[in-house]
Amino acid sequence: MPPTTLSDTIVKKTDLEKNKALKLIHNMKRTTLPVQAGGKPVDRREQRRLDQAQGLVPFAVKLNGELVKALHAEAQARQISVNALVSELLEKGLKG
């Protein structure tokens, strides 16, 4: 007879790990949203609108892992966002 309740179901280890990962990803997406002055998070559509108003365009690149770690460390040391740091470094590089 098949299981009738959730407590009776048998969950594979891979399914359990997959569910844990999905929960973790969901929580990470929820907590990384920018916050408005009032303290409430900005939704993605609103953030996209704000970025467009500033003339920002999404630009994805693939970088070496060590370089990314160095960028994050430098941004944290200067207390600025990684986006601001990369923008600054690209502007300097293009001028020189």
PDB file of N, CA and C in Angstrom:
ATOM      1  N   MET A   1       0.853  -1.174   0.000  1.00  0.00           N
ATOM      2  CA  MET A   1       0.000   0.000   0.000  1.00  0.00           C
ATOM      3  C   MET A   1       0.903   1.243   0.000  1.00  0.00           C
ATOM      4  N   PRO A   2       0.612   2.265  -0.847  1.00  0.00           N
ATOM      5  CA  PRO A   2       1.448   3.462  -0.913  1.00  0.00           C
ATOM      6  C   PRO A   2       1.290   4.316   0.336  1.00  0.00           C
ATOM      7  N   PRO A   3       2.291   5.122   0.661  1.00  0.00           N
ATOM      8  CA  PRO A   3       2.197   5.993   1.835  1.00  0.00           C
ATOM      9  C   PRO A   3       1.063   6.991   1.668  1.00  0.00           C
ATOM     10  N   THR A   4       0.371   7.269   2.771  1.00  0.00           N
ATOM     11  CA  THR A   4      -0.788   8.157   2.696  1.00  0.00           C
ATOM     12  C   THR A   4      -0.515   9.532   3.287  1.00  0.00           C
ATOM     13  N   THR A   5       0.446   9.654   4.170  1.00  0.00           N
ATOM     14  CA  THR A   5       0.734  10.941   4.780  1.00  0.00           C
ATOM     15  C   THR A   5       2.196  11.289   4.549  1.00  0.00           C
ATOM     16  N   LEU A   6       2.516  12.543   4.771  1.00  0.00           N
ATOM     17  CA  LEU A   6       3.886  13.006   4.579  1.00  0.00           C
ATOM     18  C   LEU A   6       4.856  12.291   5.499  1.00  0.00           C
ATOM     19  N   SER A   7       4.431  12.014   6.723  1.00  0.00           N
ATOM     20  CA  SER A   7       5.321  11.346   7.672  1.00  0.00           C
ATOM     21  C   SER A   7       5.594   9.898   7.257  1.00  0.00           C
ATOM     22  N   ASP A   8       4.738   9.334   6.407  1.00  0.00           N
ATOM     23  CA  ASP A   8       4.923   7.954   5.957  1.00  0.00           C
ATOM     24  C   ASP A   8       5.795   7.867   4.704  1.00  0.00           C
ATOM     25  N   THR A   9       6.058   9.003   4.042  1.00  0.00           N
ATOM     26  CA  THR A   9       6.809   8.957   2.794  1.00  0.00           C
ATOM     27  C   THR A   9       8.292   8.743   3.067  1.00  0.00           C
ATOM     28  N   ILE A  10       8.914   8.115   2.132  1.00  0.00           N
ATOM     29  CA  ILE A  10      10.341   7.882   2.210  1.00  0.00           C
ATOM     30  C   ILE A  10      10.996   8.875   1.255  1.00  0.00           C
ATOM     31  N   VAL A  11      11.893   9.680   1.788  1.00  0.00           N
ATOM     32  CA  VAL A  11      12.555  10.707   0.992  1.00  0.00           C
ATOM     33  C   VAL A  11      13.985  10.259   0.729  1.00  0.00           C
ATOM     34  N   LYS A  12      14.371  10.302  -0.542  1.00  0.00           N
ATOM     35  CA  LYS A  12      15.744   9.956  -0.884  1.00  0.00           C
ATOM     36  C   LYS A  12      16.673  11.034  -0.350  1.00  0.00           C
ATOM     37  N   LYS A  13      17.901  10.646  -0.054  1.00  0.00           N
ATOM     38  CA  LYS A  13      18.890  11.589   0.456  1.00  0.00           C
ATOM     39  C   LYS A  13      19.128  12.711  -0.559  1.00  0.00           C
ATOM     40  N   THR A  14      19.159  12.383  -1.842  1.00  0.00           N
ATOM     41  CA  THR A  14      19.390  13.412  -2.863  1.00  0.00           C
ATOM     42  C   THR A  14      18.238  14.408  -2.910  1.00  0.00           C
ATOM     43  N   ASP A  15      17.010  13.906  -2.745  1.00  0.00           N
ATOM     44  CA  ASP A  15      15.855  14.814  -2.729  1.00  0.00           C
ATOM     45  C   ASP A  15      15.890  15.720  -1.507  1.00  0.00           C
ATOM     46  N   LEU A  16      16.305  15.171  -0.390  1.00  0.00           N
ATOM     47  CA  LEU A  16      16.411  15.954   0.839  1.00  0.00           C
ATOM     48  C   LEU A  16      17.446  17.071   0.670  1.00  0.00           C
ATOM     49  N   GLU A  17      18.602  16.731   0.113  1.00  0.00           N
ATOM     50  CA  GLU A  17      19.650  17.733  -0.101  1.00  0.00           C
ATOM     51  C   GLU A  17      19.204  18.783  -1.120  1.00  0.00           C
ATOM     52  N   LYS A  18      18.491  18.350  -2.146  1.00  0.00           N
ATOM     53  CA  LYS A  18      17.981  19.283  -3.156  1.00  0.00           C
ATOM     54  C   LYS A  18      17.006  20.274  -2.510  1.00  0.00           C
ATOM     55  N   ASN A  19      16.131  19.783  -1.659  1.00  0.00           N
ATOM     56  CA  ASN A  19      15.176  20.658  -0.970  1.00  0.00           C
ATOM     57  C   ASN A  19      15.886  21.641  -0.044  1.00  0.00           C
ATOM     58  N   LYS A  20      16.927  21.173   0.634  1.00  0.00           N
ATOM     59  CA  LYS A  20      17.706  22.071   1.496  1.00  0.00           C
ATOM     60  C   LYS A  20      18.345  23.185   0.666  1.00  0.00           C
ATOM     61  N   ALA A  21      18.905  22.809  -0.479  1.00  0.00           N
ATOM     62  CA  ALA A  21      19.555  23.795  -1.351  1.00  0.00           C
ATOM     63  C   ALA A  21      18.542  24.812  -1.876  1.00  0.00           C
ATOM     64  N   LEU A  22      17.365  24.345  -2.255  1.00  0.00           N
ATOM     65  CA  LEU A  22      16.336  25.256  -2.746  1.00  0.00           C
ATOM     66  C   LEU A  22      15.908  26.243  -1.662  1.00  0.00           C
ATOM     67  N   LYS A  23      15.770  25.768  -0.432  1.00  0.00           N
ATOM     68  CA  LYS A  23      15.422  26.652   0.685  1.00  0.00           C
ATOM     69  C   LYS A  23      16.521  27.685   0.909  1.00  0.00           C
ATOM     70  N   LEU A  24      17.763  27.232   0.851  1.00  0.00           N
ATOM     71  CA  LEU A  24      18.892  28.137   1.046  1.00  0.00           C
ATOM     72  C   LEU A  24      18.930  29.211  -0.038  1.00  0.00           C
ATOM     73  N   ILE A  25      18.749  28.814  -1.280  1.00  0.00           N
ATOM     74  CA  ILE A  25      18.739  29.769  -2.393  1.00  0.00           C
ATOM     75  C   ILE A  25      17.602  30.761  -2.226  1.00  0.00           C
ATOM     76  N   HIS A  26      16.440  30.273  -1.847  1.00  0.00           N
ATOM     77  CA  HIS A  26      15.289  31.153  -1.641  1.00  0.00           C
ATOM     78  C   HIS A  26      15.578  32.175  -0.544  1.00  0.00           C
ATOM     79  N   ASN A  27      16.162  31.719   0.556  1.00  0.00           N
ATOM     80  CA  ASN A  27      16.486  32.632   1.656  1.00  0.00           C
ATOM     81  C   ASN A  27      17.542  33.650   1.249  1.00  0.00           C
ATOM     82  N   MET A  28      18.519  33.230   0.454  1.00  0.00           N
ATOM     83  CA  MET A  28      19.551  34.158  -0.006  1.00  0.00           C
ATOM     84  C   MET A  28      18.949  35.229  -0.905  1.00  0.00           C
ATOM     85  N   LYS A  29      18.036  34.847  -1.772  1.00  0.00           N
ATOM     86  CA  LYS A  29      17.404  35.820  -2.665  1.00  0.00           C
ATOM     87  C   LYS A  29      16.569  36.820  -1.872  1.00  0.00           C
ATOM     88  N   ARG A  30      15.905  36.343  -0.833  1.00  0.00           N
ATOM     89  CA  ARG A  30      15.072  37.230  -0.016  1.00  0.00           C
ATOM     90  C   ARG A  30      15.899  38.230   0.768  1.00  0.00           C
ATOM     91  N   THR A  31      17.056  37.811   1.263  1.00  0.00           N
ATOM     92  CA  THR A  31      17.827  38.672   2.151  1.00  0.00           C
ATOM     93  C   THR A  31      18.776  39.610   1.421  1.00  0.00           C
ATOM     94  N   THR A  32      18.985  39.432   0.117  1.00  0.00           N
ATOM     95  CA  THR A  32      19.950  40.279  -0.584  1.00  0.00           C
ATOM     96  C   THR A  32      19.300  41.434  -1.319  1.00  0.00           C
ATOM     97  N   LEU A  33      18.015  41.631  -1.126  1.00  0.00           N
ATOM     98  CA  LEU A  33      17.360  42.751  -1.793  1.00  0.00           C
ATOM     99  C   LEU A  33      17.791  44.070  -1.177  1.00  0.00           C
ATOM    100  N   PRO A  34      17.992  45.098  -1.993  1.00  0.00           N
ATOM    101  CA  PRO A  34      18.342  46.416  -1.445  1.00  0.00           C
ATOM    102  C   PRO A  34      17.214  46.944  -0.570  1.00  0.00           C
ATOM    103  N   VAL A  35      17.549  47.848   0.318  1.00  0.00           N
ATOM    104  CA  VAL A  35      16.573  48.389   1.265  1.00  0.00           C
ATOM    105  C   VAL A  35      16.387  49.880   1.005  1.00  0.00           C
ATOM    106  N   GLN A  36      15.128  50.314   1.000  1.00  0.00           N
ATOM    107  CA  GLN A  36      14.829  51.725   0.837  1.00  0.00           C
ATOM    108  C   GLN A  36      15.129  52.463   2.136  1.00  0.00           C
ATOM    109  N   ALA A  37      15.012  53.790   2.107  1.00  0.00           N
ATOM    110  CA  ALA A  37      15.283  54.607   3.290  1.00  0.00           C
ATOM    111  C   ALA A  37      14.356  54.230   4.450  1.00  0.00           C
ATOM    112  N   GLY A  38      13.138  53.823   4.145  1.00  0.00           N
ATOM    113  CA  GLY A  38      12.185  53.468   5.186  1.00  0.00           C
ATOM    114  C   GLY A  38      12.474  52.131   5.834  1.00  0.00           C
ATOM    115  N   GLY A  39      13.418  51.359   5.303  1.00  0.00           N
ATOM    116  CA  GLY A  39      13.776  50.092   5.894  1.00  0.00           C
ATOM    117  C   GLY A  39      13.112  48.896   5.252  1.00  0.00           C
ATOM    118  N   LYS A  40      12.208  49.127   4.283  1.00  0.00           N
ATOM    119  CA  LYS A  40      11.587  47.967   3.638  1.00  0.00           C
ATOM    120  C   LYS A  40      12.324  47.653   2.339  1.00  0.00           C
ATOM    121  N   PRO A  41      12.402  46.368   1.973  1.00  0.00           N
ATOM    122  CA  PRO A  41      13.165  45.988   0.790  1.00  0.00           C
ATOM    123  C   PRO A  41      12.514  46.484  -0.513  1.00  0.00           C
ATOM    124  N   VAL A  42      13.354  46.750  -1.491  1.00  0.00           N
ATOM    125  CA  VAL A  42      12.887  47.165  -2.810  1.00  0.00           C
ATOM    126  C   VAL A  42      12.658  45.901  -3.626  1.00  0.00           C
ATOM    127  N   ASP A  43      11.520  45.795  -4.314  1.00  0.00           N
ATOM    128  CA  ASP A  43      11.311  44.608  -5.134  1.00  0.00           C
ATOM    129  C   ASP A  43      12.166  44.709  -6.399  1.00  0.00           C
ATOM    130  N   ARG A  44      12.307  43.604  -7.102  1.00  0.00           N
ATOM    131  CA  ARG A  44      13.199  43.545  -8.253  1.00  0.00           C
ATOM    132  C   ARG A  44      12.781  44.502  -9.358  1.00  0.00           C
ATOM    133  N   ARG A  45      11.507  44.615  -9.595  1.00  0.00           N
ATOM    134  CA  ARG A  45      11.024  45.518 -10.640  1.00  0.00           C
ATOM    135  C   ARG A  45      11.376  46.966 -10.302  1.00  0.00           C
ATOM    136  N   GLU A  46      11.169  47.336  -9.052  1.00  0.00           N
ATOM    137  CA  GLU A  46      11.503  48.689  -8.610  1.00  0.00           C
ATOM    138  C   GLU A  46      13.012  48.925  -8.682  1.00  0.00           C
ATOM    139  N   GLN A  47      13.806  47.926  -8.281  1.00  0.00           N
ATOM    140  CA  GLN A  47      15.264  48.065  -8.346  1.00  0.00           C
ATOM    141  C   GLN A  47      15.726  48.229  -9.784  1.00  0.00           C
ATOM    142  N   ARG A  48      15.130  47.484 -10.700  1.00  0.00           N
ATOM    143  CA  ARG A  48      15.470  47.599 -12.122  1.00  0.00           C
ATOM    144  C   ARG A  48      15.154  49.008 -12.626  1.00  0.00           C
ATOM    145  N   ARG A  49      14.012  49.551 -12.198  1.00  0.00           N
ATOM    146  CA  ARG A  49      13.630  50.903 -12.596  1.00  0.00           C
ATOM    147  C   ARG A  49      14.620  51.933 -12.050  1.00  0.00           C
ATOM    148  N   LEU A  50      15.026  51.768 -10.791  1.00  0.00           N
ATOM    149  CA  LEU A  50      16.003  52.680 -10.191  1.00  0.00           C
ATOM    150  C   LEU A  50      17.350  52.598 -10.914  1.00  0.00           C
ATOM    151  N   ASP A  51      17.768  51.385 -11.257  1.00  0.00           N
ATOM    152  CA  ASP A  51      19.027  51.213 -11.980  1.00  0.00           C
ATOM    153  C   ASP A  51      18.972  51.877 -13.352  1.00  0.00           C
ATOM    154  N   GLN A  52      17.856  51.715 -14.051  1.00  0.00           N
ATOM    155  CA  GLN A  52      17.714  52.330 -15.366  1.00  0.00           C
ATOM    156  C   GLN A  52      17.732  53.847 -15.263  1.00  0.00           C
ATOM    157  N   ALA A  53      17.134  54.403 -14.223  1.00  0.00           N
ATOM    158  CA  ALA A  53      17.130  55.849 -14.031  1.00  0.00           C
ATOM    159  C   ALA A  53      18.558  56.375 -13.822  1.00  0.00           C
ATOM    160  N   GLN A  54      19.427  55.565 -13.256  1.00  0.00           N
ATOM    161  CA  GLN A  54      20.820  55.948 -13.049  1.00  0.00           C
ATOM    162  C   GLN A  54      21.684  55.649 -14.271  1.00  0.00           C
ATOM    163  N   GLY A  55      21.082  55.059 -15.304  1.00  0.00           N
ATOM    164  CA  GLY A  55      21.829  54.721 -16.508  1.00  0.00           C
ATOM    165  C   GLY A  55      22.613  53.427 -16.385  1.00  0.00           C
ATOM    166  N   LEU A  56      22.276  52.600 -15.411  1.00  0.00           N
ATOM    167  CA  LEU A  56      22.984  51.338 -15.201  1.00  0.00           C
ATOM    168  C   LEU A  56      22.411  50.247 -16.092  1.00  0.00           C
ATOM    169  N   VAL A  57      23.289  49.413 -16.627  1.00  0.00           N
ATOM    170  CA  VAL A  57      22.896  48.316 -17.511  1.00  0.00           C
ATOM    171  C   VAL A  57      23.518  47.037 -16.966  1.00  0.00           C
ATOM    172  N   PRO A  58      22.740  45.947 -16.835  1.00  0.00           N
ATOM    173  CA  PRO A  58      23.332  44.692 -16.371  1.00  0.00           C
ATOM    174  C   PRO A  58      24.372  44.202 -17.378  1.00  0.00           C
ATOM    175  N   PHE A  59      25.521  43.741 -16.874  1.00  0.00           N
ATOM    176  CA  PHE A  59      26.618  43.306 -17.738  1.00  0.00           C
ATOM    177  C   PHE A  59      27.314  42.144 -17.059  1.00  0.00           C
ATOM    178  N   ALA A  60      27.022  40.943 -17.507  1.00  0.00           N
ATOM    179  CA  ALA A  60      27.576  39.740 -16.870  1.00  0.00           C
ATOM    180  C   ALA A  60      28.882  39.347 -17.548  1.00  0.00           C
ATOM    181  N   VAL A  61      29.868  39.000 -16.745  1.00  0.00           N
ATOM    182  CA  VAL A  61      31.153  38.504 -17.239  1.00  0.00           C
ATOM    183  C   VAL A  61      31.582  37.317 -16.392  1.00  0.00           C
ATOM    184  N   LYS A  62      32.471  36.516 -16.928  1.00  0.00           N
ATOM    185  CA  LYS A  62      33.033  35.401 -16.170  1.00  0.00           C
ATOM    186  C   LYS A  62      34.466  35.761 -15.822  1.00  0.00           C
ATOM    187  N   LEU A  63      34.780  35.676 -14.526  1.00  0.00           N
ATOM    188  CA  LEU A  63      36.101  36.044 -14.032  1.00  0.00           C
ATOM    189  C   LEU A  63      36.704  34.894 -13.248  1.00  0.00           C
ATOM    190  N   ASN A  64      38.018  34.908 -13.137  1.00  0.00           N
ATOM    191  CA  ASN A  64      38.739  33.940 -12.329  1.00  0.00           C
ATOM    192  C   ASN A  64      38.288  34.064 -10.869  1.00  0.00           C
ATOM    193  N   GLY A  65      38.147  32.948 -10.189  1.00  0.00           N
ATOM    194  CA  GLY A  65      37.674  32.939  -8.805  1.00  0.00           C
ATOM    195  C   GLY A  65      38.541  33.749  -7.861  1.00  0.00           C
ATOM    196  N   GLU A  66      39.856  33.682  -8.032  1.00  0.00           N
ATOM    197  CA  GLU A  66      40.761  34.447  -7.167  1.00  0.00           C
ATOM    198  C   GLU A  66      40.574  35.947  -7.379  1.00  0.00           C
ATOM    199  N   LEU A  67      40.343  36.350  -8.620  1.00  0.00           N
ATOM    200  CA  LEU A  67      40.113  37.761  -8.919  1.00  0.00           C
ATOM    201  C   LEU A  67      38.826  38.250  -8.255  1.00  0.00           C
ATOM    202  N   VAL A  68      37.804  37.421  -8.286  1.00  0.00           N
ATOM    203  CA  VAL A  68      36.527  37.778  -7.655  1.00  0.00           C
ATOM    204  C   VAL A  68      36.703  37.932  -6.147  1.00  0.00           C
ATOM    205  N   LYS A  69      37.457  37.021  -5.533  1.00  0.00           N
ATOM    206  CA  LYS A  69      37.718  37.122  -4.090  1.00  0.00           C
ATOM    207  C   LYS A  69      38.456  38.421  -3.777  1.00  0.00           C
ATOM    208  N   ALA A  70      39.444  38.762  -4.623  1.00  0.00           N
ATOM    209  CA  ALA A  70      40.206  39.995  -4.412  1.00  0.00           C
ATOM    210  C   ALA A  70      39.304  41.217  -4.565  1.00  0.00           C
ATOM    211  N   LEU A  71      38.391  41.188  -5.536  1.00  0.00           N
ATOM    212  CA  LEU A  71      37.457  42.297  -5.721  1.00  0.00           C
ATOM    213  C   LEU A  71      36.552  42.463  -4.506  1.00  0.00           C
ATOM    214  N   HIS A  72      36.027  41.361  -4.010  1.00  0.00           N
ATOM    215  CA  HIS A  72      35.157  41.414  -2.837  1.00  0.00           C
ATOM    216  C   HIS A  72      35.922  41.948  -1.618  1.00  0.00           C
ATOM    217  N   ALA A  73      37.152  41.476  -1.430  1.00  0.00           N
ATOM    218  CA  ALA A  73      37.951  41.926  -0.292  1.00  0.00           C
ATOM    219  C   ALA A  73      38.236  43.430  -0.394  1.00  0.00           C
ATOM    220  N   GLU A  74      38.596  43.888  -1.587  1.00  0.00           N
ATOM    221  CA  GLU A  74      38.885  45.315  -1.786  1.00  0.00           C
ATOM    222  C   GLU A  74      37.635  46.165  -1.558  1.00  0.00           C
ATOM    223  N   ALA A  75      36.505  45.708  -2.077  1.00  0.00           N
ATOM    224  CA  ALA A  75      35.252  46.449  -1.893  1.00  0.00           C
ATOM    225  C   ALA A  75      34.889  46.517  -0.413  1.00  0.00           C
ATOM    226  N   GLN A  76      35.085  45.420   0.295  1.00  0.00           N
ATOM    227  CA  GLN A  76      34.765  45.404   1.724  1.00  0.00           C
ATOM    228  C   GLN A  76      35.718  46.315   2.497  1.00  0.00           C
ATOM    229  N   ALA A  77      36.986  46.314   2.133  1.00  0.00           N
ATOM    230  CA  ALA A  77      37.964  47.160   2.812  1.00  0.00           C
ATOM    231  C   ALA A  77      37.650  48.643   2.602  1.00  0.00           C
ATOM    232  N   ARG A  78      37.181  48.990   1.407  1.00  0.00           N
ATOM    233  CA  ARG A  78      36.848  50.385   1.108  1.00  0.00           C
ATOM    234  C   ARG A  78      35.425  50.742   1.512  1.00  0.00           C
ATOM    235  N   GLN A  79      34.658  49.744   1.934  1.00  0.00           N
ATOM    236  CA  GLN A  79      33.256  49.908   2.324  1.00  0.00           C
ATOM    237  C   GLN A  79      32.424  50.496   1.185  1.00  0.00           C
ATOM    238  N   ILE A  80      32.602  49.927  -0.016  1.00  0.00           N
ATOM    239  CA  ILE A  80      31.784  50.288  -1.172  1.00  0.00           C
ATOM    240  C   ILE A  80      31.269  49.000  -1.793  1.00  0.00           C
ATOM    241  N   SER A  81      30.315  49.120  -2.693  1.00  0.00           N
ATOM    242  CA  SER A  81      29.770  47.930  -3.343  1.00  0.00           C
ATOM    243  C   SER A  81      30.753  47.410  -4.385  1.00  0.00           C
ATOM    244  N   VAL A  82      30.630  46.144  -4.698  1.00  0.00           N
ATOM    245  CA  VAL A  82      31.470  45.542  -5.731  1.00  0.00           C
ATOM    246  C   VAL A  82      31.185  46.220  -7.069  1.00  0.00           C
ATOM    247  N   ASN A  83      29.924  46.553  -7.326  1.00  0.00           N
ATOM    248  CA  ASN A  83      29.571  47.247  -8.564  1.00  0.00           C
ATOM    249  C   ASN A  83      30.324  48.571  -8.689  1.00  0.00           C
ATOM    250  N   ALA A  84      30.373  49.339  -7.610  1.00  0.00           N
ATOM    251  CA  ALA A  84      31.063  50.628  -7.637  1.00  0.00           C
ATOM    252  C   ALA A  84      32.567  50.425  -7.853  1.00  0.00           C
ATOM    253  N   LEU A  85      33.135  49.425  -7.202  1.00  0.00           N
ATOM    254  CA  LEU A  85      34.561  49.154  -7.352  1.00  0.00           C
ATOM    255  C   LEU A  85      34.897  48.751  -8.778  1.00  0.00           C
ATOM    256  N   VAL A  86      34.138  47.832  -9.339  1.00  0.00           N
ATOM    257  CA  VAL A  86      34.393  47.370 -10.709  1.00  0.00           C
ATOM    258  C   VAL A  86      34.225  48.523 -11.691  1.00  0.00           C
ATOM    259  N   SER A  87      33.224  49.334 -11.497  1.00  0.00           N
ATOM    260  CA  SER A  87      33.019  50.492 -12.364  1.00  0.00           C
ATOM    261  C   SER A  87      34.223  51.433 -12.298  1.00  0.00           C
ATOM    262  N   GLU A  88      34.693  51.701 -11.093  1.00  0.00           N
ATOM    263  CA  GLU A  88      35.852  52.584 -10.900  1.00  0.00           C
ATOM    264  C   GLU A  88      37.100  52.022 -11.577  1.00  0.00           C
ATOM    265  N   LEU A  89      37.337  50.724 -11.376  1.00  0.00           N
ATOM    266  CA  LEU A  89      38.522  50.091 -11.952  1.00  0.00           C
ATOM    267  C   LEU A  89      38.458  50.054 -13.473  1.00  0.00           C
ATOM    268  N   LEU A  90      37.272  49.802 -14.033  1.00  0.00           N
ATOM    269  CA  LEU A  90      37.135  49.797 -15.495  1.00  0.00           C
ATOM    270  C   LEU A  90      37.365  51.183 -16.074  1.00  0.00           C
ATOM    271  N   GLU A  91      36.829  52.210 -15.411  1.00  0.00           N
ATOM    272  CA  GLU A  91      37.032  53.584 -15.888  1.00  0.00           C
ATOM    273  C   GLU A  91      38.519  53.943 -15.877  1.00  0.00           C
ATOM    274  N   LYS A  92      39.225  53.595 -14.803  1.00  0.00           N
ATOM    275  CA  LYS A  92      40.657  53.856 -14.717  1.00  0.00           C
ATOM    276  C   LYS A  92      41.410  53.105 -15.813  1.00  0.00           C
ATOM    277  N   GLY A  93      41.048  51.849 -16.008  1.00  0.00           N
ATOM    278  CA  GLY A  93      41.716  51.007 -17.008  1.00  0.00           C
ATOM    279  C   GLY A  93      41.509  51.522 -18.427  1.00  0.00           C
ATOM    280  N   LEU A  94      40.314  51.984 -18.711  1.00  0.00           N
ATOM    281  CA  LEU A  94      40.017  52.476 -20.056  1.00  0.00           C
ATOM    282  C   LEU A  94      40.685  53.810 -20.336  1.00  0.00           C
ATOM    283  N   LYS A  95      40.870  54.625 -19.300  1.00  0.00           N
ATOM    284  CA  LYS A  95      41.532  55.918 -19.488  1.00  0.00           C
ATOM    285  C   LYS A  95      43.028  55.746 -19.664  1.00  0.00           C
ATOM    286  N   GLY A  96      43.606  54.762 -19.006  1.00  0.00           N
ATOM    287  CA  GLY A  96      45.055  54.581 -19.016  1.00  0.00           C
ATOM    288  C   GLY A  96      45.466  53.676 -20.085  1.00  0.00           C
TER     289      GLY A  96
END
